[in-house]
Structures are given as C-alpha cells and as structure tokens.
Amino acid sequence: MPPKTPSPLKTSEKQYRKKTPLDPISANKIWADICNQTERMERKTGPFQFDVRKLIIIPDKPNYTTPDVKGKFGTVTMKEYEEAIKLLEKVDPIKKREKIPPEKYNLPATVAQDYGWYSKPLIKKHPLFQFPKGMCEITEYADTYYKSQGRNPFQKRDFTVKDHMGKGPTSANPKSPLK
C-alpha cells in the first residue's frame, strides 16, 4: 500500500506551499497565462474621438431666458407683443383641446363626424331652464364683509389677518400680551 500523502484541502496553505515550491519557470508561465487571459477579456478600444454625427443636442427649455436678452435684442414693441399674443392664441393646444371638432376644423375628419357636423340645437337655450351655480344671500354677505373688514364674520374670536401676520403660533387675541 502506498504511503498516504496529505491532500492540499486538509492542510493549511502555508504547509502546502512549503511542501510544493514553484520553480521560477513555472511561476513565470502561470503569470504569463494570467496576463494573456486578462488581455483577451479586456475590450480593446482606440483613443477617444468625438463623433459629431451621433451628437444629440438638447435645446433649452422654452420658458428659459437669459437675463441679458433685453440688452442684446432691444426692447419689445407693443406691436410685436400683440403679434406674439395672437400667435399664442393660434398655437395654444390647451384652448384648442377644449373646442369641439366643428370649431377646430372646417370639414369633418372622419366618416363618423359627418353625422351632426352641421347640426345646431333645435331649441335655443332659455334662461328659465338654466340653473347656474350662484351664491346665496349669506355667502354674498360673508364675501362682501370679508372684502371690506378683512376678517370672517362667522369667526368667534377677535382675529384679523393683519394682527396675526408674522407672529407664528402665538394667540391672535389682541387683549393678551404677545410673547
């Protein structure tokens, strides 16, 4: 029976290295293999070059303006301002979205829109049958009272907005001393 040799798993690393020393040629061969393997795994790229064709240009936000725009382009005249307002009214998608299709387009865009495109209500709206939301007498009174006095008429304690501004969580009662 051959003599038992200790397996490298059971012995510690220090004992295993002492028993099996590597000669310099084997160590260099292992090192060369590791270097070759890392070179193969690395992705070789050339020097960095900026490709203008693949450049994505992100424009500034439409509502962003620099502070010195007035100095460069001059002041805006009233005529230019009115033209800009008219252009905004034409292009404004929110106002356009609220309109019904006959108000948006001259002709129907689909066959389904043909039905009822030129129709108008048979009976005109009569104020007798209109029930708009309005304020009752108490709400109107409270609204005018608040506008004139600056405080709520239904509030129990003596409180005004002017007295309480900037005082934080202190009492709004003017009789008590403020801290």
Protein backbone atom coordinates (compact mmCIF):
# COMPACT_ATOMS: atom_id res chain seq x y z
CA MET A 1 0.00 0.00 0.00
CA PRO A 2 1.41 3.43 -0.94
CA PRO A 3 2.02 5.89 1.86
CA LYS A 4 -0.71 8.42 2.46
CA THR A 5 0.11 11.96 1.43
CA PRO A 6 -1.84 14.79 2.93
CA SER A 7 -4.29 16.34 0.48
CA PRO A 8 -3.93 20.08 -0.13
CA LEU A 9 -7.50 20.69 1.08
CA LYS A 10 -6.84 19.30 4.54
CA THR A 11 -3.55 21.06 5.14
CA SER A 12 -3.16 24.78 5.55
CA GLU A 13 -1.81 26.95 2.71
CA LYS A 14 1.49 27.59 4.42
CA GLN A 15 2.19 23.88 4.82
CA TYR A 16 1.16 23.18 1.22
CA ARG A 17 3.39 25.91 -0.21
CA LYS A 18 6.31 24.74 1.81
CA LYS A 19 5.94 21.23 0.52
CA THR A 20 5.48 22.14 -3.15
CA PRO A 21 7.66 25.10 -4.05
CA LEU A 22 7.36 26.51 -7.59
CA ASP A 23 10.40 26.91 -9.71
CA PRO A 24 10.82 30.32 -11.41
CA ILE A 25 9.95 28.96 -14.86
CA SER A 26 6.57 27.57 -13.69
CA ALA A 27 5.78 30.79 -11.80
CA ASN A 28 6.53 32.86 -14.93
CA LYS A 29 4.40 30.53 -17.06
CA ILE A 30 1.44 30.92 -14.65
CA TRP A 31 1.90 34.68 -14.63
CA ALA A 32 2.04 34.81 -18.45
CA ASP A 33 -1.17 32.74 -18.69
CA ILE A 34 -2.97 35.11 -16.30
CA CYS A 35 -1.78 38.16 -18.27
CA ASN A 36 -2.86 36.62 -21.60
CA GLN A 37 -6.27 35.74 -20.18
CA THR A 38 -6.86 39.30 -18.90
CA GLU A 39 -5.78 40.76 -22.26
CA ARG A 40 -8.27 38.54 -24.06
CA MET A 41 -11.05 39.55 -21.66
CA GLU A 42 -10.37 43.27 -21.99
CA ARG A 43 -12.12 45.14 -24.76
CA LYS A 44 -9.51 47.00 -26.70
CA THR A 45 -10.59 50.48 -27.73
CA GLY A 46 -8.71 53.11 -29.61
CA PRO A 47 -8.18 56.67 -28.48
CA PHE A 48 -11.39 58.62 -27.80
CA GLN A 49 -12.74 60.62 -30.71
CA PHE A 50 -15.79 62.88 -30.60
CA ASP A 51 -18.31 61.87 -33.29
CA VAL A 52 -20.33 64.91 -34.34
CA ARG A 53 -22.78 62.82 -36.41
CA LYS A 54 -24.00 60.98 -33.29
CA LEU A 55 -24.26 64.13 -31.19
CA ILE A 56 -27.65 64.65 -29.54
CA ILE A 57 -28.39 68.32 -28.97
CA ILE A 58 -30.80 69.06 -26.15
CA PRO A 59 -32.33 72.53 -26.53
CA ASP A 60 -33.01 74.88 -23.64
CA LYS A 61 -36.40 74.90 -22.01
CA PRO A 62 -38.85 77.10 -23.93
CA ASN A 63 -39.58 79.29 -20.92
CA TYR A 64 -35.90 79.77 -20.05
CA THR A 65 -34.42 83.14 -20.93
CA THR A 66 -31.13 84.68 -20.01
CA PRO A 67 -31.18 87.96 -18.08
CA ASP A 68 -29.23 89.86 -20.73
CA VAL A 69 -31.64 89.16 -23.61
CA LYS A 70 -33.06 92.69 -23.48
CA GLY A 71 -29.64 94.22 -23.96
CA LYS A 72 -28.82 92.08 -26.99
CA PHE A 73 -32.07 92.29 -28.91
CA GLY A 74 -33.58 95.54 -27.68
CA THR A 75 -36.95 96.10 -26.13
CA VAL A 76 -40.15 94.56 -27.44
CA THR A 77 -42.59 96.96 -29.05
CA MET A 78 -46.33 96.87 -28.40
CA LYS A 79 -46.98 95.70 -31.96
CA GLU A 80 -44.60 92.76 -31.58
CA TYR A 81 -46.21 91.91 -28.25
CA GLU A 82 -49.71 91.86 -29.78
CA GLU A 83 -48.48 89.70 -32.68
CA ALA A 84 -46.97 87.25 -30.22
CA ILE A 85 -50.24 87.08 -28.27
CA LYS A 86 -52.18 86.37 -31.50
CA LEU A 87 -49.69 83.67 -32.43
CA LEU A 88 -50.03 82.09 -29.00
CA GLU A 89 -53.81 82.08 -29.34
CA LYS A 90 -53.45 80.22 -32.65
CA VAL A 91 -50.97 77.67 -31.40
CA ASP A 92 -52.16 77.20 -27.83
CA PRO A 93 -53.04 73.48 -27.55
CA ILE A 94 -54.99 73.84 -24.30
CA LYS A 95 -57.57 76.21 -25.77
CA LYS A 96 -57.73 74.11 -28.92
CA ARG A 97 -58.33 70.98 -26.87
CA GLU A 98 -61.40 72.50 -25.19
CA LYS A 99 -63.15 73.18 -28.51
CA ILE A 100 -65.48 70.69 -30.17
CA PRO A 101 -64.44 69.30 -33.60
CA PRO A 102 -66.61 71.65 -35.75
CA GLU A 103 -64.92 74.60 -34.04
CA LYS A 104 -61.45 73.12 -34.59
CA TYR A 105 -61.72 72.01 -38.23
CA ASN A 106 -63.51 73.29 -41.36
CA LEU A 107 -64.59 69.83 -42.55
CA PRO A 108 -65.18 66.53 -40.75
CA ALA A 109 -62.03 64.43 -40.46
CA THR A 110 -63.77 61.02 -40.28
CA VAL A 111 -67.00 59.48 -41.56
CA ALA A 112 -68.32 59.28 -38.01
CA GLN A 113 -68.01 63.06 -37.73
CA ASP A 114 -70.25 63.55 -40.79
CA TYR A 115 -73.30 62.87 -38.67
CA GLY A 116 -74.20 66.00 -36.79
CA TRP A 117 -71.34 68.11 -38.17
CA TYR A 118 -73.61 70.91 -39.38
CA SER A 119 -76.32 70.42 -36.77
CA LYS A 120 -77.45 73.12 -34.41
CA PRO A 121 -79.71 72.81 -31.36
CA LEU A 122 -83.38 72.77 -32.31
CA ILE A 123 -84.43 74.84 -29.31
CA LYS A 124 -82.44 77.83 -28.17
CA LYS A 125 -81.41 77.96 -24.53
CA HIS A 126 -83.93 79.79 -22.41
CA PRO A 127 -82.91 81.45 -19.13
CA LEU A 128 -85.97 79.95 -17.44
CA PHE A 129 -84.45 76.49 -17.74
CA GLN A 130 -80.88 77.46 -16.90
CA PHE A 131 -79.72 76.80 -13.37
CA PRO A 132 -76.24 78.30 -12.97
CA LYS A 133 -74.39 77.89 -9.73
CA GLY A 134 -74.55 81.10 -7.75
CA MET A 135 -74.04 82.39 -4.23
CA CYS A 136 -76.84 82.53 -1.70
CA GLU A 137 -77.51 85.68 0.35
CA ILE A 138 -75.44 84.50 3.32
CA THR A 139 -72.42 83.69 1.14
CA GLU A 140 -72.65 87.05 -0.65
CA TYR A 141 -72.85 88.82 2.73
CA ALA A 142 -69.81 86.93 4.05
CA ASP A 143 -67.87 87.66 0.87
CA THR A 144 -68.51 91.42 0.96
CA TYR A 145 -67.90 91.52 4.73
CA TYR A 146 -64.53 89.80 4.32
CA LYS A 147 -63.54 92.17 1.49
CA SER A 148 -64.44 95.26 3.49
CA GLN A 149 -63.38 94.26 7.03
CA GLY A 150 -60.59 91.80 6.29
CA ARG A 151 -61.99 89.13 8.62
CA ASN A 152 -64.56 86.35 8.66
CA PRO A 153 -67.95 87.45 10.08
CA PHE A 154 -68.65 83.97 11.49
CA GLN A 155 -65.44 83.67 13.47
CA LYS A 156 -65.90 83.53 17.25
CA ARG A 157 -62.69 85.14 18.48
CA ASP A 158 -61.39 88.56 17.54
CA PHE A 159 -58.94 87.75 14.78
CA THR A 160 -57.65 89.72 11.84
CA VAL A 161 -55.10 88.75 9.29
CA LYS A 162 -53.13 91.97 9.82
CA ASP A 163 -52.83 91.40 13.59
CA HIS A 164 -51.62 87.84 13.21
CA MET A 165 -49.07 88.21 10.39
CA GLY A 166 -45.58 87.06 11.32
CA LYS A 167 -46.42 86.12 14.89
CA GLY A 168 -46.28 82.35 14.46
CA PRO A 169 -48.20 80.10 16.85
CA THR A 170 -48.99 82.85 19.39
CA SER A 171 -52.53 83.77 20.34
CA ALA A 172 -54.43 86.06 17.97
CA ASN A 173 -56.37 87.70 20.77
CA PRO A 174 -55.20 91.35 20.92
CA LYS A 175 -56.07 91.59 24.65
CA SER A 176 -53.43 89.04 25.62
CA PRO A 177 -49.78 90.19 25.51
CA LEU A 178 -47.76 88.72 22.67
CA LYS A 179 -44.61 86.86 23.55
